[in-house]
Every structure is written in structure tokens, then in C-alpha cells.
Amino acid sequence: KYPFVKAEKRATFVGDRDLIMEMGTIEFNNETEKDFKFEVPFVDDLYNIMLVVRDTGTGESAHVNVYVDNTQSNDKKIRVVASAAFTGKVDIVAVKVG
């Protein structure tokens, strides 16, 4: 091993614009729709969302598709819709750059 390698000890962001990020989890209980309210509202609705579905019964991925209903979402909340009723968790990452 080369002893003089410099590596960051934590994740960093280097860019020429601002980065705003919020992460959270919502739980579905045999449901197809659920709202996620942001702790701090975004300044507009021009942000990106990443959704990850987890089945809490088996610990594996749930066999549903999820998406954001843009007609029911705004700068304060998003509506997450599943293709079928399921019980599990959806992890959410909201990101706005600029």
C-alpha cells in the first residue's frame, strides 16, 4: 500500500451552484397512495425525486412500481403512487441543484 494517498473521509460536494437535498421514508400499509411532506419547502417545484421501494415483510424489494403524481405535488409535498396496494417502505431523496 502507498502510505501517502490523500482521500476524503466524508462525502463532499464541489460545484458552482447550490445543492438542496432532503431524504425521508414513508410507510405504506396496504395502500396505493401516500403523501410525503418536506421538512422545509423548496422555493419551487423544479426538483428531482428518487424513490426506492422496500417490502418490510421479507426485507427484499416489493414487487410494485412507484412514481410521483406531479398533479398532486408541489414545493411543499409529493404524492407517491404505487401500481398496487402493498405494505412496505418507500425511501425518498429529493434534490434541487441551482
C-alpha atoms as a PDB file:
ATOM      1  CA  LYS A   1       0.000   0.000   0.000  1.00  0.00           C
ATOM      2  CA  TYR A   2       1.099   3.503  -0.780  1.00  0.00           C
ATOM      3  CA  PRO A   3       1.005   5.413   2.546  1.00  0.00           C
ATOM      4  CA  PHE A   4       0.651   8.907   1.075  1.00  0.00           C
ATOM      5  CA  VAL A   5      -2.694   8.670  -0.730  1.00  0.00           C
ATOM      6  CA  LYS A   6      -4.974  11.555   0.192  1.00  0.00           C
ATOM      7  CA  ALA A   7      -8.611  10.574   0.367  1.00  0.00           C
ATOM      8  CA  GLU A   8     -11.601  12.409   1.762  1.00  0.00           C
ATOM      9  CA  LYS A   9     -13.018  10.885   4.951  1.00  0.00           C
ATOM     10  CA  ARG A  10     -16.564  12.043   4.152  1.00  0.00           C
ATOM     11  CA  ALA A  11     -18.792  12.646   1.172  1.00  0.00           C
ATOM     12  CA  THR A  12     -18.362  16.116  -0.308  1.00  0.00           C
ATOM     13  CA  PHE A  13     -19.978  18.238  -2.993  1.00  0.00           C
ATOM     14  CA  VAL A  14     -17.954  20.573  -5.193  1.00  0.00           C
ATOM     15  CA  GLY A  15     -19.908  22.645  -7.668  1.00  0.00           C
ATOM     16  CA  ASP A  16     -20.648  26.121  -8.900  1.00  0.00           C
ATOM     17  CA  ARG A  17     -24.324  26.058  -7.845  1.00  0.00           C
ATOM     18  CA  ASP A  18     -26.252  25.385  -4.636  1.00  0.00           C
ATOM     19  CA  LEU A  19     -27.388  21.881  -3.723  1.00  0.00           C
ATOM     20  CA  ILE A  20     -30.529  21.316  -1.645  1.00  0.00           C
ATOM     21  CA  MET A  21     -31.358  17.765  -0.568  1.00  0.00           C
ATOM     22  CA  GLU A  22     -33.952  16.131   1.647  1.00  0.00           C
ATOM     23  CA  MET A  23     -34.269  12.437   2.456  1.00  0.00           C
ATOM     24  CA  GLY A  24     -37.061  10.569   4.168  1.00  0.00           C
ATOM     25  CA  THR A  25     -39.153   7.431   4.334  1.00  0.00           C
ATOM     26  CA  ILE A  26     -42.886   6.849   4.140  1.00  0.00           C
ATOM     27  CA  GLU A  27     -44.679   3.652   5.120  1.00  0.00           C
ATOM     28  CA  PHE A  28     -47.435   2.059   3.079  1.00  0.00           C
ATOM     29  CA  ASN A  29     -49.920  -0.220   4.862  1.00  0.00           C
ATOM     30  CA  ASN A  30     -51.897  -1.996   2.122  1.00  0.00           C
ATOM     31  CA  GLU A  31     -52.176   1.384   0.349  1.00  0.00           C
ATOM     32  CA  THR A  32     -51.566   2.697  -3.168  1.00  0.00           C
ATOM     33  CA  GLU A  33     -51.018   6.430  -2.453  1.00  0.00           C
ATOM     34  CA  LYS A  34     -49.203   8.378   0.226  1.00  0.00           C
ATOM     35  CA  ASP A  35     -48.034  11.988   0.677  1.00  0.00           C
ATOM     36  CA  PHE A  36     -44.537  12.959   1.790  1.00  0.00           C
ATOM     37  CA  LYS A  37     -44.258  16.473   3.230  1.00  0.00           C
ATOM     38  CA  PHE A  38     -40.897  18.214   3.052  1.00  0.00           C
ATOM     39  CA  GLU A  39     -39.495  19.490   6.360  1.00  0.00           C
ATOM     40  CA  VAL A  40     -38.507  22.717   4.615  1.00  0.00           C
ATOM     41  CA  PRO A  41     -40.445  23.610   1.444  1.00  0.00           C
ATOM     42  CA  PHE A  42     -38.460  24.051  -1.763  1.00  0.00           C
ATOM     43  CA  VAL A  43     -38.518  27.506  -3.386  1.00  0.00           C
ATOM     44  CA  ASP A  44     -40.308  25.999  -6.415  1.00  0.00           C
ATOM     45  CA  ASP A  45     -41.261  22.586  -7.787  1.00  0.00           C
ATOM     46  CA  LEU A  46     -38.185  22.203 -10.017  1.00  0.00           C
ATOM     47  CA  TYR A  47     -36.503  19.390  -8.075  1.00  0.00           C
ATOM     48  CA  ASN A  48     -35.739  15.736  -8.813  1.00  0.00           C
ATOM     49  CA  ILE A  49     -37.005  12.743  -6.852  1.00  0.00           C
ATOM     50  CA  MET A  50     -35.561   9.267  -6.392  1.00  0.00           C
ATOM     51  CA  LEU A  51     -37.822   6.547  -4.937  1.00  0.00           C
ATOM     52  CA  VAL A  52     -36.705   3.145  -3.601  1.00  0.00           C
ATOM     53  CA  VAL A  53     -39.306   0.563  -2.537  1.00  0.00           C
ATOM     54  CA  ARG A  54     -38.708  -1.908   0.307  1.00  0.00           C
ATOM     55  CA  ASP A  55     -41.015  -4.725   1.391  1.00  0.00           C
ATOM     56  CA  THR A  56     -40.910  -4.764   5.199  1.00  0.00           C
ATOM     57  CA  GLY A  57     -42.235  -8.318   5.407  1.00  0.00           C
ATOM     58  CA  THR A  58     -39.359 -10.025   3.593  1.00  0.00           C
ATOM     59  CA  GLY A  59     -36.729  -7.299   3.589  1.00  0.00           C
ATOM     60  CA  GLU A  60     -36.492  -7.568  -0.183  1.00  0.00           C
ATOM     61  CA  SER A  61     -37.748  -5.249  -2.878  1.00  0.00           C
ATOM     62  CA  ALA A  62     -41.529  -5.034  -3.070  1.00  0.00           C
ATOM     63  CA  HIS A  63     -42.997  -6.101  -6.391  1.00  0.00           C
ATOM     64  CA  VAL A  64     -44.637  -2.776  -7.236  1.00  0.00           C
ATOM     65  CA  ASN A  65     -43.753   0.239  -9.307  1.00  0.00           C
ATOM     66  CA  VAL A  66     -43.856   3.661  -7.662  1.00  0.00           C
ATOM     67  CA  TYR A  67     -43.911   7.116  -9.158  1.00  0.00           C
ATOM     68  CA  VAL A  68     -44.592  10.732  -8.228  1.00  0.00           C
ATOM     69  CA  ASP A  69     -48.002  12.117  -9.234  1.00  0.00           C
ATOM     70  CA  ASN A  70     -46.960  15.563 -10.448  1.00  0.00           C
ATOM     71  CA  THR A  71     -50.556  16.818 -10.500  1.00  0.00           C
ATOM     72  CA  GLN A  72     -50.763  16.319  -6.705  1.00  0.00           C
ATOM     73  CA  SER A  73     -47.207  17.508  -5.874  1.00  0.00           C
ATOM     74  CA  ASN A  74     -45.803  20.969  -5.249  1.00  0.00           C
ATOM     75  CA  ASP A  75     -42.980  22.765  -3.413  1.00  0.00           C
ATOM     76  CA  LYS A  76     -44.266  21.501  -0.021  1.00  0.00           C
ATOM     77  CA  LYS A  77     -45.060  17.823  -0.707  1.00  0.00           C
ATOM     78  CA  ILE A  78     -45.091  14.975  -3.202  1.00  0.00           C
ATOM     79  CA  ARG A  79     -47.693  12.274  -3.729  1.00  0.00           C
ATOM     80  CA  VAL A  80     -46.165   8.808  -4.183  1.00  0.00           C
ATOM     81  CA  VAL A  81     -48.360   6.324  -6.076  1.00  0.00           C
ATOM     82  CA  ALA A  82     -47.840   2.546  -6.206  1.00  0.00           C
ATOM     83  CA  SER A  83     -49.006   0.297  -9.047  1.00  0.00           C
ATOM     84  CA  ALA A  84     -50.748  -1.972  -6.495  1.00  0.00           C
ATOM     85  CA  ALA A  85     -51.573  -1.899  -2.806  1.00  0.00           C
ATOM     86  CA  PHE A  86     -48.621  -3.074  -0.722  1.00  0.00           C
ATOM     87  CA  THR A  87     -47.188  -2.952   2.778  1.00  0.00           C
ATOM     88  CA  GLY A  88     -43.671  -1.636   2.969  1.00  0.00           C
ATOM     89  CA  LYS A  89     -41.485   1.445   2.937  1.00  0.00           C
ATOM     90  CA  VAL A  90     -40.514   3.904   0.232  1.00  0.00           C
ATOM     91  CA  ASP A  91     -37.242   5.768   0.692  1.00  0.00           C
ATOM     92  CA  ILE A  92     -37.282   9.227  -0.867  1.00  0.00           C
ATOM     93  CA  VAL A  93     -34.458  11.522  -1.945  1.00  0.00           C
ATOM     94  CA  ALA A  94     -35.371  14.993  -3.216  1.00  0.00           C
ATOM     95  CA  VAL A  95     -32.593  17.033  -4.854  1.00  0.00           C
ATOM     96  CA  LYS A  96     -32.502  20.548  -6.273  1.00  0.00           C
ATOM     97  CA  VAL A  97     -29.351  21.866  -7.946  1.00  0.00           C
ATOM     98  CA  GLY A  98     -29.071  25.591  -8.621  1.00  0.00           C
END
